[in-house]
Amino acid sequence: MTEDAMSAAHNGDSRSIGQLFAAATAEMSALVHDEIALAKAELRQDAKRAAFGSGAVVGAVALAFFSVPMLSFAAAYGLQALGLTLGWSFLIVFGGYVLLALLLGAFAYGRFKKVKKPERSIASAKETAAVLQKAKPHPRELADGTVPALRSGATEASRVLPTGDATAGAKM
């Protein structure tokens, strides 16, 4: 509740339902904006870690797909010059690139594990939801202890509220 609304309630000033609704809407909008700002701040902290992990994934994929063909041929022919057959030479070079891709993938996985979920934002959103759950309007009882009935097709929010006499809420 804003200070204006609280002082109006204490001074005996009455505000219209439209003014109360506008104030509640403004407060809800501010609350949602604050929740979003908190989430952005938390996610910004982990964005750098995620960026490094993403870069490692891109590097692993690039090496796995392109594997520097000229270097591969040079290494395979170099192994053949050491006395291995050409088939075994190419297989060893391929295994080296697969091992390098696995190492980069493991590095990326380790970086991504360090990225945390926005725990403060989640807790704050749950707290807000709990408060809003408790703040649902409850129907007023009439002077005779009954609750006004809903019109056909109406929702709980559109319930006719009594104006003070016992028959006002029952007329529909």
Foldseek 3Di string as FASTA:
>chain_A
DDPVVVVCVVVVHDDDPVVVVVVVVVVVVVLVVVLVVLQVVLQVVLVVLLVVLVVLLVVLVCCLVCVPVVVLVVQLVVVVVVPDDSVVSSVVSNVVSVVVSVVSNVVSVVSVVPRDHSVVSVVSVVVVVVVVVVVDDDFDAAPVRHGQDDDVPDDPVPQDHDPHHRCRRPDD
